Amino acid sequence: MDTLFAKLRSLAGNSCAQIFTNTEGFLYLVPMSTKADAGYALDQFTQDVGIPNRLTFDGSGEQTGKKTRFREAIQHYRIQPHEVEPYSPFQNRAESAVRIIKSKWKKLMVKRKVPIRLWDFAFVWICEIYSRQSYKGGRTGIEKVTGDTVDISEWVDFSFYDIVWYWDTPHADENPKIGRWAGVSHRVGSALCYWVVNANGKVLARTTVQHVTVEEMATDEMKQKISSYTASLERFIGDNAYVSDLDGFDQFVNDDEPNPFDAWRESQAMEGLEEPPLIEETPDIDDIVDSSDPIVASDAYHSYLGAEILLPDARGNKRMGKVIKRVRNEANELVGTHNSNPILDSSVYEVEFPDGTIDQLTANVIAENLFNQMDSEGRQYRLLSEIIDHKSDASAIPASDGFLKSRSGNIHPKKTTRGWKIMVEWKDGTVEWIPLKDLKESNPVELAEYAMANNLEREPAFHWWVRDTLKKRDRIISKIKSKYWRRTHKFGIRIPKTVEEALQIDRDTGTTFWRDAILKEMSKVKVARIPRD
């Protein structure tokens, strides 16, 4: 557990926050108006998560005092306390959690242009998302602590500081209104109740919250509403409440941990060196998209634009194509209807192929090909056409140094693929140099056959695996062939599967063997169909 202090009081009146972590993917944060509220933060933690067996914290007065609210909570819940040694913040593993939260807040603040005074809501959201993500393929942090299956339904619809519609007071003429999404309201309202920042800088809890759609964002009316909302918000929180570079990053401190970046800045200044920027300033959307042209501005928000995937051309052949823009009719209206469900999306797009030809495809066709060519992490599948060439650099092991001698005197080939690259042509017609280690994993048989055909099997990068791969290929093929022959022939005689096929064999061989066999079999079973008296 650790305490984080802000240099600027938040919109909700908070100046610090209490952080709880198990250092295994779980973070929980409680904003506080003063550090004396540490005991109430512990109460909230035990109510939402549970009572910990042991709690490590620093030696601040509000946490170590005998008659403080925090010490009373420790005794009430029978938690084993553990105080870190003075001037030894490294003993408190929560310090690493503080660095994680601050790092994610910095990126969020710059990327989404979040006002600094919303830091407490942003910190809570960051911790909730972090605790519900799986790291290294294991269980999520909150599942490790509580043992419960994670429910993410409250977080999947919105991201922090999204522009949203919200329903304010009932029967109001201005409903719905524009606001900014600021997280999940767990202790106010019903399920799926959210925090929304209104134009007056107040944070409200509202259940009826909806996305602003892409089509609405592209209209001049919506742009005017957003501009008015932003101007009104800045009147209450100040126009200097945003940060777009490193200057606004030093907003939070730990009273027991010095900031190493400050010392680095001082050393750079003493040596007369210029401090390099750590990140570039994030450009505004208006600097990238020409908002003066409504057609260009509306096209900028379509999710398929710029996608490069294998798509069917006018002849039905799949080639690499790039989605350029939405198709419009003679009245300059968009063709088709957009739908969040890709199957129902009938929007029409222009697709450009490498030879310069342009075809029109619907969104559902693009989506189908896109998902068929991607894995769960968004990586694109590519089909090999042929291997064209190979090359190696100075780091490749020569044939004279391709073996190792064991202690028993046995000689073994070195297992290496270093320094080799293979030129391949994909089914879409593109040509690319691929590292040997990657192509060996995806297309081992084709690569082994290429190595044998080009006399590369003695090279150390190929010698240790090529022959084994080809032997395995031959074994698989032989099993497939034997299974095929056993199913269709017996003792070299073709076995028909239908009566028509049997009679055709008789016609092809000029015999009546199968016809006679069928008549004989039917005469034996015909008695079963004669009714009894």
Protein backbone atom coordinates (compact mmCIF):
# COMPACT_ATOMS: atom_id res chain seq x y z
CA MET A 1 0.00 0.00 0.00
CA ASP A 2 1.23 3.53 -0.78
CA THR A 3 0.00 7.11 -0.94
CA LEU A 4 0.21 9.33 -4.02
CA PHE A 5 -0.02 13.12 -3.72
CA ALA A 6 -1.19 15.49 -6.47
CA LYS A 7 0.03 19.04 -6.93
CA LEU A 8 -3.41 20.09 -8.17
CA ARG A 9 -6.73 19.45 -6.45
CA SER A 10 -9.16 17.51 -8.65
CA LEU A 11 -12.66 18.54 -9.72
CA ALA A 12 -14.01 16.28 -6.97
CA GLY A 13 -11.82 18.01 -4.36
CA ASN A 14 -9.24 15.21 -3.97
CA SER A 15 -5.56 15.93 -3.37
CA CYS A 16 -4.13 12.43 -2.90
CA ALA A 17 -4.94 8.76 -3.38
CA GLN A 18 -4.33 5.48 -1.56
CA ILE A 19 -3.06 2.61 -3.72
CA PHE A 20 -3.40 -1.10 -2.89
CA THR A 21 -1.63 -3.81 -4.90
CA ASN A 22 -0.43 -7.41 -4.71
CA THR A 23 2.31 -6.72 -7.35
CA GLU A 24 0.84 -9.51 -9.49
CA GLY A 25 -1.46 -7.56 -11.77
CA PHE A 26 -3.94 -6.19 -9.23
CA LEU A 27 -4.37 -2.46 -8.53
CA TYR A 28 -7.00 -0.70 -6.44
CA LEU A 29 -7.07 3.05 -5.86
CA VAL A 30 -9.14 5.26 -3.54
CA PRO A 31 -8.99 9.06 -4.10
CA MET A 32 -8.82 11.10 -0.85
CA SER A 33 -9.28 14.76 0.01
CA THR A 34 -6.52 14.56 2.66
CA LYS A 35 -4.00 11.92 3.69
CA ALA A 36 -5.83 11.58 7.01
CA ASP A 37 -8.55 9.67 5.12
CA ALA A 38 -6.27 6.62 4.77
CA GLY A 39 -8.41 4.71 7.26
CA TYR A 40 -11.58 5.32 5.27
CA ALA A 41 -9.74 4.20 2.14
CA LEU A 42 -8.90 0.92 3.89
CA ASP A 43 -12.58 0.55 4.84
CA GLN A 44 -13.62 0.96 1.20
CA PHE A 45 -11.00 -1.54 0.07
CA THR A 46 -12.21 -4.20 2.49
CA GLN A 47 -15.82 -3.66 1.40
CA ASP A 48 -15.10 -3.88 -2.34
CA VAL A 49 -12.30 -6.47 -2.39
CA GLY A 50 -11.89 -8.13 0.99
CA ILE A 51 -9.76 -8.10 4.11
CA PRO A 52 -6.04 -8.71 3.41
CA ASN A 53 -4.02 -10.94 5.73
CA ARG A 54 -0.99 -8.63 5.69
CA LEU A 55 -0.51 -4.99 4.73
CA THR A 56 2.82 -3.25 4.04
CA PHE A 57 2.99 0.57 4.26
CA ASP A 58 5.46 3.37 4.92
CA GLY A 59 6.03 5.20 8.20
CA SER A 60 3.84 8.27 7.64
CA GLY A 61 2.08 9.62 10.72
CA GLU A 62 -1.49 8.97 9.58
CA GLN A 63 -0.62 5.29 9.10
CA THR A 64 1.56 4.64 12.14
CA GLY A 65 -0.11 6.84 14.76
CA LYS A 66 -1.71 4.89 17.59
CA LYS A 67 -5.03 6.75 17.60
CA THR A 68 -5.45 7.38 13.88
CA ARG A 69 -8.41 6.12 11.87
CA PHE A 70 -6.07 3.93 9.82
CA ARG A 71 -4.67 2.18 12.92
CA GLU A 72 -8.22 1.61 14.19
CA ALA A 73 -9.16 -0.04 10.87
CA ILE A 74 -6.06 -2.27 11.04
CA GLN A 75 -7.04 -3.48 14.51
CA HIS A 76 -10.73 -3.83 13.64
CA TYR A 77 -10.09 -6.07 10.62
CA ARG A 78 -7.26 -7.93 12.42
CA ILE A 79 -4.78 -7.23 9.60
CA GLN A 80 -1.12 -7.96 10.23
CA PRO A 81 0.71 -4.63 9.72
CA HIS A 82 4.22 -4.35 8.29
CA GLU A 83 6.03 -1.01 8.29
CA VAL A 84 8.93 -0.41 5.90
CA GLU A 85 12.25 0.88 7.12
CA PRO A 86 12.75 4.69 6.97
CA TYR A 87 14.40 5.97 3.77
CA SER A 88 13.91 2.56 2.15
CA PRO A 89 10.99 2.95 -0.25
CA PHE A 90 12.21 -0.06 -2.26
CA GLN A 91 10.92 -2.28 0.57
CA ASN A 92 7.38 -1.23 -0.30
CA ARG A 93 6.48 -3.04 -3.51
CA ALA A 94 3.58 -0.65 -4.07
CA GLU A 95 6.13 1.89 -5.34
CA SER A 96 6.24 0.00 -8.64
CA ALA A 97 2.44 0.26 -8.87
CA VAL A 98 2.71 4.03 -8.50
CA ARG A 99 5.10 4.18 -11.44
CA ILE A 100 2.74 2.06 -13.56
CA ILE A 101 -0.25 4.33 -12.83
CA LYS A 102 1.71 7.52 -13.47
CA SER A 103 3.08 6.18 -16.73
CA LYS A 104 -0.35 5.19 -18.03
CA TRP A 105 -1.84 8.49 -16.88
CA LYS A 106 0.80 10.46 -18.77
CA LYS A 107 0.01 8.65 -22.02
CA LEU A 108 -3.74 8.95 -21.49
CA MET A 109 -3.56 12.65 -20.64
CA VAL A 110 -1.62 13.51 -23.81
CA LYS A 111 -3.31 11.11 -26.21
CA ARG A 112 -6.92 11.95 -25.28
CA LYS A 113 -6.34 15.54 -24.11
CA VAL A 114 -7.77 14.83 -20.66
CA PRO A 115 -7.87 17.77 -18.20
CA ILE A 116 -5.38 17.40 -15.36
CA ARG A 117 -8.09 17.96 -12.74
CA LEU A 118 -9.75 14.66 -13.74
CA TRP A 119 -6.73 12.73 -12.51
CA ASP A 120 -8.62 10.93 -9.72
CA PHE A 121 -11.30 9.49 -12.04
CA ALA A 122 -8.62 8.56 -14.59
CA PHE A 123 -6.51 6.80 -11.91
CA VAL A 124 -9.48 4.71 -10.78
CA TRP A 125 -10.27 3.74 -14.40
CA ILE A 126 -6.62 2.85 -15.11
CA CYS A 127 -6.48 0.57 -12.06
CA GLU A 128 -9.79 -1.11 -12.95
CA ILE A 129 -8.66 -1.84 -16.51
CA TYR A 130 -5.20 -2.98 -15.38
CA SER A 131 -6.66 -5.40 -12.83
CA ARG A 132 -8.98 -6.95 -15.43
CA GLN A 133 -6.31 -7.65 -18.04
CA SER A 134 -4.41 -10.91 -18.34
CA TYR A 135 -0.63 -10.65 -18.42
CA LYS A 136 1.67 -13.42 -19.69
CA GLY A 137 -1.34 -15.56 -20.55
CA GLY A 138 -2.36 -16.12 -16.94
CA ARG A 139 -5.31 -15.09 -14.81
CA THR A 140 -6.24 -11.46 -14.31
CA GLY A 141 -5.06 -9.64 -11.22
CA ILE A 142 -8.50 -9.25 -9.67
CA GLU A 143 -9.25 -12.94 -10.23
CA LYS A 144 -6.06 -13.88 -8.37
CA VAL A 145 -7.20 -11.81 -5.38
CA THR A 146 -10.94 -12.54 -5.23
CA GLY A 147 -11.16 -15.86 -7.08
CA ASP A 148 -14.20 -14.59 -8.99
CA THR A 149 -14.65 -14.74 -12.76
CA VAL A 150 -14.07 -11.28 -14.22
CA ASP A 151 -17.08 -9.33 -15.51
CA ILE A 152 -15.99 -6.55 -17.90
CA SER A 153 -19.45 -5.56 -19.17
CA GLU A 154 -19.25 -2.12 -17.47
CA TRP A 155 -16.00 -1.19 -19.24
CA VAL A 156 -16.39 -2.53 -22.80
CA ASP A 157 -18.66 0.20 -24.21
CA PHE A 158 -16.60 3.31 -23.47
CA SER A 159 -13.03 4.47 -23.11
CA PHE A 160 -11.97 7.21 -20.75
CA TYR A 161 -12.96 10.75 -21.80
CA ASP A 162 -15.08 9.59 -24.75
CA ILE A 163 -17.59 12.10 -26.11
CA VAL A 164 -21.05 10.80 -25.18
CA TRP A 165 -24.72 11.68 -25.11
CA TYR A 166 -26.27 11.57 -21.64
CA TRP A 167 -29.81 12.07 -20.38
CA ASP A 168 -29.88 14.71 -17.68
CA THR A 169 -32.99 15.71 -15.76
CA PRO A 170 -36.26 14.03 -16.85
CA HIS A 171 -38.50 15.88 -19.32
CA ALA A 172 -35.83 18.52 -19.99
CA ASP A 173 -35.96 20.12 -23.43
CA GLU A 174 -32.21 19.91 -23.93
CA ASN A 175 -32.01 16.12 -23.53
CA PRO A 176 -29.79 14.47 -24.52
CA LYS A 177 -26.70 16.54 -23.74
CA ILE A 178 -23.03 16.34 -24.68
CA GLY A 179 -20.59 15.14 -22.01
CA ARG A 180 -17.35 13.27 -21.42
CA TRP A 181 -17.25 9.72 -20.03
CA ALA A 182 -15.22 9.51 -16.81
CA GLY A 183 -15.59 5.94 -15.58
CA VAL A 184 -17.99 3.57 -13.85
CA SER A 185 -20.09 4.79 -10.91
CA HIS A 186 -20.03 1.80 -8.55
CA ARG A 187 -21.57 3.43 -5.48
CA VAL A 188 -24.16 5.67 -7.13
CA GLY A 189 -27.08 4.50 -9.26
CA SER A 190 -27.92 1.08 -10.66
CA ALA A 191 -25.86 -1.30 -12.75
CA LEU A 192 -24.15 0.26 -15.79
CA CYS A 193 -24.22 3.72 -14.22
CA TYR A 194 -21.38 5.99 -15.36
CA TRP A 195 -19.62 9.22 -14.39
CA VAL A 196 -20.13 11.99 -16.95
CA VAL A 197 -18.44 15.42 -16.98
CA ASN A 198 -20.96 18.09 -17.98
CA ALA A 199 -20.28 21.48 -19.59
CA ASN A 200 -20.09 23.17 -16.16
CA GLY A 201 -17.20 20.98 -15.00
CA LYS A 202 -19.36 18.90 -12.66
CA VAL A 203 -19.12 15.11 -12.58
CA LEU A 204 -22.58 13.49 -12.65
CA ALA A 205 -23.69 9.88 -12.23
CA ARG A 206 -26.02 8.91 -15.09
CA THR A 207 -27.40 5.59 -16.35
CA THR A 208 -28.64 6.68 -19.79
CA VAL A 209 -25.35 7.21 -21.66
CA GLN A 210 -24.79 6.58 -25.36
CA HIS A 211 -21.99 6.86 -27.91
CA VAL A 212 -21.75 9.72 -30.36
CA THR A 213 -21.73 7.86 -33.69
CA VAL A 214 -19.22 8.35 -36.50
CA GLU A 215 -21.91 9.84 -38.72
CA GLU A 216 -22.83 12.37 -36.04
CA MET A 217 -19.18 13.31 -35.48
CA ALA A 218 -18.86 14.21 -39.16
CA THR A 219 -21.72 16.74 -39.15
CA ASP A 220 -21.19 20.47 -38.71
CA GLU A 221 -23.91 20.60 -36.06
CA MET A 222 -22.10 18.09 -33.85
CA LYS A 223 -18.76 19.84 -34.31
CA GLN A 224 -20.38 23.07 -33.16
CA LYS A 225 -21.88 21.35 -30.09
CA ILE A 226 -18.51 19.86 -29.16
CA SER A 227 -16.80 23.23 -29.57
CA SER A 228 -19.41 24.90 -27.37
CA TYR A 229 -19.08 22.16 -24.75
CA THR A 230 -15.27 22.45 -24.71
CA ALA A 231 -15.40 26.25 -24.43
CA SER A 232 -17.88 26.04 -21.55
CA LEU A 233 -15.81 23.41 -19.75
CA GLU A 234 -12.63 25.47 -20.09
CA ARG A 235 -14.35 28.46 -18.47
CA PHE A 236 -14.79 26.42 -15.31
CA ILE A 237 -11.55 24.41 -15.21
CA GLY A 238 -9.26 26.86 -17.06
CA ASP A 239 -7.77 26.70 -20.52
CA ASN A 240 -4.40 25.61 -19.09
CA ALA A 241 -5.84 22.37 -17.72
CA TYR A 242 -4.47 20.30 -20.62
CA VAL A 243 -1.03 18.85 -21.22
CA SER A 244 0.41 18.00 -24.62
CA ASP A 245 4.09 17.44 -23.82
CA LEU A 246 6.53 16.54 -21.06
CA ASP A 247 6.11 19.84 -19.21
CA GLY A 248 2.84 18.71 -17.66
CA PHE A 249 4.00 15.29 -16.56
CA ASP A 250 5.44 16.21 -13.17
CA GLN A 251 2.06 16.48 -11.48
CA PHE A 252 2.26 13.75 -8.84
CA VAL A 253 4.81 13.00 -6.14
CA ASN A 254 5.55 10.43 -3.47
CA ASP A 255 6.62 12.13 -0.27
CA ASP A 256 8.99 9.25 0.56
CA GLU A 257 10.56 8.77 -2.87
CA PRO A 258 12.69 11.35 -4.73
CA ASN A 259 12.06 11.83 -8.44
CA PRO A 260 15.13 10.46 -10.29
CA PHE A 261 14.20 12.44 -13.38
CA ASP A 262 14.78 15.72 -11.53
CA ALA A 263 18.36 14.71 -10.75
CA TRP A 264 18.93 13.75 -14.37
CA ARG A 265 17.63 17.15 -15.52
CA GLU A 266 20.01 18.94 -13.16
CA SER A 267 23.00 16.91 -14.36
CA GLN A 268 22.14 17.67 -17.97
CA ALA A 269 21.90 21.38 -17.20
CA MET A 270 25.24 21.41 -15.34
CA GLU A 271 27.00 19.75 -18.27
CA GLY A 272 25.45 22.20 -20.71
CA LEU A 273 23.55 19.47 -22.56
CA GLU A 274 20.15 20.04 -24.06
CA GLU A 275 17.37 17.92 -22.64
CA PRO A 276 15.89 15.79 -25.45
CA PRO A 277 12.10 15.44 -25.58
CA LEU A 278 10.86 12.03 -24.47
CA ILE A 279 7.75 12.12 -26.67
CA GLU A 280 6.50 14.15 -29.58
CA GLU A 281 3.54 16.42 -29.18
CA THR A 282 0.36 14.62 -30.19
CA PRO A 283 -1.27 16.43 -33.13
CA ASP A 284 -4.89 17.45 -32.92
CA ILE A 285 -7.38 15.73 -35.23
CA ASP A 286 -7.98 19.04 -37.02
CA ASP A 287 -4.31 19.16 -37.96
CA ILE A 288 -4.67 15.83 -39.76
CA VAL A 289 -8.20 15.95 -41.17
CA ASP A 290 -9.44 18.82 -43.32
CA SER A 291 -12.62 19.62 -41.41
CA SER A 292 -13.54 22.37 -43.84
CA ASP A 293 -14.46 19.72 -46.40
CA PRO A 294 -17.37 17.69 -44.93
CA ILE A 295 -16.83 14.84 -47.39
CA VAL A 296 -13.16 14.43 -46.49
CA ALA A 297 -13.91 14.82 -42.78
CA SER A 298 -16.65 12.18 -42.79
CA ASP A 299 -14.47 9.70 -44.70
CA ALA A 300 -11.71 10.06 -42.10
CA TYR A 301 -13.71 8.21 -39.44
CA HIS A 302 -14.59 5.00 -41.34
CA SER A 303 -12.85 1.98 -39.82
CA TYR A 304 -12.09 0.13 -43.08
CA LEU A 305 -10.29 3.02 -44.81
CA GLY A 306 -6.62 2.26 -45.43
CA ALA A 307 -6.99 -1.48 -44.79
CA GLU A 308 -4.75 -3.62 -47.03
CA ILE A 309 -5.95 -7.22 -47.35
CA LEU A 310 -6.64 -9.92 -49.96
CA LEU A 311 -9.92 -9.01 -51.64
CA PRO A 312 -11.78 -10.45 -54.66
CA ASP A 313 -11.52 -8.35 -57.82
CA ALA A 314 -14.12 -8.11 -60.60
CA ARG A 315 -13.11 -11.56 -61.91
CA GLY A 316 -13.29 -13.20 -58.51
CA ASN A 317 -9.52 -13.55 -58.12
CA LYS A 318 -8.17 -12.60 -54.71
CA ARG A 319 -5.50 -9.92 -54.84
CA MET A 320 -3.99 -7.48 -52.39
CA GLY A 321 -6.21 -4.41 -52.36
CA LYS A 322 -6.41 -1.17 -50.39
CA VAL A 323 -9.70 0.37 -49.25
CA ILE A 324 -9.70 4.00 -50.43
CA LYS A 325 -13.00 5.67 -49.62
CA ARG A 326 -16.79 5.36 -49.33
CA VAL A 327 -18.77 5.39 -52.59
CA ARG A 328 -21.21 8.26 -53.18
CA ASN A 329 -24.05 8.50 -55.68
CA GLU A 330 -24.83 11.33 -58.10
CA ALA A 331 -26.54 13.29 -55.32
CA ASN A 332 -23.29 13.11 -53.30
CA GLU A 333 -24.93 10.80 -50.75
CA LEU A 334 -23.21 7.78 -49.22
CA VAL A 335 -24.19 4.49 -50.87
CA GLY A 336 -25.40 1.83 -48.45
CA THR A 337 -26.24 1.96 -44.76
CA HIS A 338 -23.65 1.79 -42.00
CA ASN A 339 -24.26 -0.71 -39.19
CA SER A 340 -22.11 -1.58 -36.19
CA ASN A 341 -22.73 -5.24 -37.04
CA PRO A 342 -20.38 -6.01 -40.01
CA ILE A 343 -22.82 -8.59 -41.42
CA LEU A 344 -25.58 -5.99 -41.72
CA ASP A 345 -23.30 -3.19 -42.95
CA SER A 346 -24.19 -2.47 -46.60
CA SER A 347 -21.81 0.48 -47.06
CA VAL A 348 -19.95 0.43 -50.39
CA TYR A 349 -16.23 1.20 -50.61
CA GLU A 350 -13.77 1.75 -53.44
CA VAL A 351 -10.85 -0.70 -53.44
CA GLU A 352 -7.63 -0.09 -55.39
CA PHE A 353 -5.53 -3.05 -56.59
CA PRO A 354 -1.78 -3.01 -57.42
CA ASP A 355 -2.36 -2.63 -61.19
CA GLY A 356 -4.35 0.55 -60.60
CA THR A 357 -7.81 -0.89 -61.19
CA ILE A 358 -10.57 0.20 -58.81
CA ASP A 359 -13.53 -1.98 -57.86
CA GLN A 360 -16.44 -1.47 -55.51
CA LEU A 361 -17.04 -3.85 -52.58
CA THR A 362 -19.56 -3.79 -49.74
CA ALA A 363 -18.44 -3.49 -46.13
CA ASN A 364 -19.60 -7.00 -45.18
CA VAL A 365 -17.39 -8.52 -47.92
CA ILE A 366 -14.41 -6.49 -46.70
CA ALA A 367 -15.09 -7.47 -43.08
CA GLU A 368 -15.44 -11.16 -43.96
CA ASN A 369 -12.09 -11.23 -45.76
CA LEU A 370 -10.47 -9.12 -43.06
CA PHE A 371 -11.47 -11.46 -40.21
CA ASN A 372 -10.67 -14.59 -42.25
CA GLN A 373 -7.12 -13.38 -42.81
CA MET A 374 -6.41 -12.30 -39.22
CA ASP A 375 -5.72 -14.19 -36.04
CA SER A 376 -7.05 -13.23 -32.60
CA GLU A 377 -4.28 -10.65 -32.15
CA GLY A 378 -4.78 -8.96 -35.53
CA ARG A 379 -1.82 -10.53 -37.35
CA GLN A 380 -2.46 -11.22 -41.02
CA TYR A 381 -2.15 -14.67 -42.56
CA ARG A 382 -0.11 -14.89 -45.78
CA LEU A 383 -0.07 -17.83 -48.19
CA LEU A 384 3.23 -18.85 -49.77
CA SER A 385 3.40 -19.06 -53.57
CA GLU A 386 7.06 -20.03 -54.04
CA ILE A 387 10.57 -19.52 -52.70
CA ILE A 388 12.64 -17.43 -55.09
CA ASP A 389 16.09 -16.81 -53.63
CA HIS A 390 18.28 -16.93 -50.53
CA LYS A 391 21.19 -15.03 -49.02
CA SER A 392 23.41 -15.04 -45.96
CA ASP A 393 25.53 -12.42 -44.21
CA ALA A 394 28.77 -12.48 -42.23
CA SER A 395 27.00 -13.61 -39.06
CA ALA A 396 26.04 -16.97 -40.63
CA ILE A 397 28.06 -19.94 -39.34
CA PRO A 398 30.29 -21.46 -42.09
CA ALA A 399 30.15 -25.16 -42.98
CA SER A 400 33.62 -25.72 -41.50
CA ASP A 401 32.31 -24.69 -38.07
CA GLY A 402 28.95 -26.42 -38.27
CA PHE A 403 29.48 -29.23 -35.73
CA LEU A 404 29.95 -29.63 -31.98
CA LYS A 405 31.90 -32.40 -30.25
CA SER A 406 30.42 -33.75 -27.04
CA ARG A 407 32.39 -34.99 -24.04
CA SER A 408 31.84 -38.56 -25.16
CA GLY A 409 33.40 -37.75 -28.53
CA ASN A 410 30.17 -37.74 -30.55
CA ILE A 411 29.75 -35.06 -33.21
CA HIS A 412 26.44 -33.17 -33.44
CA PRO A 413 25.38 -30.47 -35.90
CA LYS A 414 24.91 -26.98 -34.52
CA LYS A 415 21.30 -25.88 -34.32
CA THR A 416 21.32 -22.39 -35.81
CA THR A 417 19.47 -20.27 -38.37
CA ARG A 418 21.50 -17.10 -37.83
CA GLY A 419 22.41 -14.88 -40.76
CA TRP A 420 20.10 -16.39 -43.39
CA LYS A 421 17.20 -14.79 -45.22
CA ILE A 422 14.86 -16.27 -47.83
CA MET A 423 13.11 -14.35 -50.60
CA VAL A 424 9.51 -15.53 -51.01
CA GLU A 425 6.61 -14.64 -53.26
CA TRP A 426 3.19 -14.60 -51.62
CA LYS A 427 -0.12 -15.51 -53.23
CA ASP A 428 -0.99 -11.82 -53.46
CA GLY A 429 2.01 -11.28 -55.77
CA THR A 430 4.22 -9.41 -53.28
CA VAL A 431 7.87 -10.39 -52.78
CA GLU A 432 9.64 -10.16 -49.42
CA TRP A 433 12.82 -11.21 -47.65
CA ILE A 434 11.95 -13.36 -44.62
CA PRO A 435 14.34 -14.53 -41.86
CA LEU A 436 15.04 -18.26 -42.12
CA LYS A 437 13.84 -18.93 -38.57
CA ASP A 438 10.38 -17.48 -39.34
CA LEU A 439 9.87 -19.32 -42.64
CA LYS A 440 11.07 -22.57 -41.07
CA GLU A 441 8.26 -22.34 -38.53
CA SER A 442 5.50 -21.54 -41.05
CA ASN A 443 6.55 -23.52 -44.18
CA PRO A 444 9.15 -26.16 -43.16
CA VAL A 445 8.43 -28.65 -45.98
CA GLU A 446 8.61 -26.10 -48.81
CA LEU A 447 11.82 -24.66 -47.33
CA ALA A 448 13.39 -28.12 -46.95
CA GLU A 449 12.59 -29.00 -50.57
CA TYR A 450 14.10 -25.70 -51.70
CA ALA A 451 17.26 -26.37 -49.68
CA MET A 452 17.70 -29.82 -51.24
CA ALA A 453 17.10 -28.48 -54.76
CA ASN A 454 19.71 -25.74 -54.28
CA ASN A 455 22.35 -27.88 -52.51
CA LEU A 456 21.99 -26.09 -49.18
CA GLU A 457 21.49 -29.17 -47.02
CA ARG A 458 25.16 -29.13 -45.90
CA GLU A 459 24.98 -25.57 -44.60
CA PRO A 460 24.78 -25.49 -40.77
CA ALA A 461 21.52 -23.50 -40.88
CA PHE A 462 19.86 -26.34 -42.84
CA HIS A 463 21.82 -29.49 -42.03
CA TRP A 464 20.34 -30.13 -38.57
CA TRP A 465 16.67 -30.23 -39.65
CA VAL A 466 16.18 -30.58 -43.44
CA ARG A 467 16.51 -34.35 -43.79
CA ASP A 468 14.36 -35.06 -40.73
CA THR A 469 11.63 -32.80 -42.10
CA LEU A 470 11.62 -34.58 -45.48
CA LYS A 471 11.54 -37.99 -43.80
CA LYS A 472 8.55 -36.93 -41.73
CA ARG A 473 6.86 -35.67 -44.90
CA ASP A 474 7.43 -39.03 -46.63
CA ARG A 475 6.03 -40.96 -43.67
CA ILE A 476 2.87 -38.85 -43.63
CA ILE A 477 2.37 -39.25 -47.39
CA SER A 478 2.92 -43.01 -47.24
CA LYS A 479 0.28 -43.37 -44.53
CA ILE A 480 -2.20 -41.33 -46.53
CA LYS A 481 -1.59 -43.45 -49.65
CA SER A 482 -1.95 -46.75 -47.81
CA LYS A 483 -5.20 -45.63 -46.25
CA TYR A 484 -6.53 -44.62 -49.66
CA TRP A 485 -5.71 -47.98 -51.30
CA ARG A 486 -7.20 -50.04 -48.47
CA ARG A 487 -10.50 -48.22 -48.77
CA THR A 488 -10.98 -48.58 -52.54
CA HIS A 489 -9.33 -51.93 -53.45
CA LYS A 490 -9.03 -55.43 -52.06
CA PHE A 491 -6.47 -57.84 -53.44
CA GLY A 492 -6.00 -55.47 -56.34
CA ILE A 493 -9.71 -55.57 -57.26
CA ARG A 494 -11.69 -52.33 -57.28
CA ILE A 495 -14.52 -52.28 -54.74
CA PRO A 496 -17.64 -50.34 -55.85
CA LYS A 497 -19.63 -48.24 -53.41
CA THR A 498 -22.96 -48.21 -55.32
CA VAL A 499 -24.89 -50.51 -57.68
CA GLU A 500 -24.37 -48.09 -60.56
CA GLU A 501 -20.61 -48.14 -59.98
CA ALA A 502 -20.62 -51.99 -59.90
CA LEU A 503 -22.48 -52.24 -63.22
CA GLN A 504 -20.11 -49.68 -64.72
CA ILE A 505 -17.15 -51.86 -63.74
CA ASP A 506 -18.81 -54.78 -65.58
CA ARG A 507 -19.22 -52.64 -68.69
CA ASP A 508 -15.62 -51.43 -68.52
CA THR A 509 -14.20 -54.98 -68.11
CA GLY A 510 -16.67 -56.77 -70.42
CA THR A 511 -17.79 -59.17 -67.67
CA THR A 512 -20.92 -59.80 -65.59
CA PHE A 513 -19.24 -60.67 -62.30
CA TRP A 514 -20.71 -57.84 -60.27
CA ARG A 515 -24.17 -58.20 -61.86
CA ASP A 516 -24.22 -61.93 -61.09
CA ALA A 517 -23.09 -61.31 -57.51
CA ILE A 518 -25.82 -58.74 -56.95
CA LEU A 519 -28.55 -61.06 -58.35
CA LYS A 520 -27.31 -63.93 -56.20
CA GLU A 521 -27.33 -61.77 -53.07
CA MET A 522 -30.80 -60.44 -53.78
CA SER A 523 -32.19 -63.96 -54.33
CA LYS A 524 -30.99 -64.94 -50.86
CA VAL A 525 -32.56 -61.96 -49.10
CA LYS A 526 -35.79 -61.85 -51.19
CA VAL A 527 -37.46 -64.38 -48.87
CA ALA A 528 -37.36 -61.83 -46.09
CA ARG A 529 -39.82 -59.67 -48.03
CA ILE A 530 -42.39 -62.48 -48.73
CA PRO A 531 -45.41 -62.01 -46.38
CA ARG A 532 -46.40 -64.95 -44.23
CA ASP A 533 -49.88 -66.48 -44.32
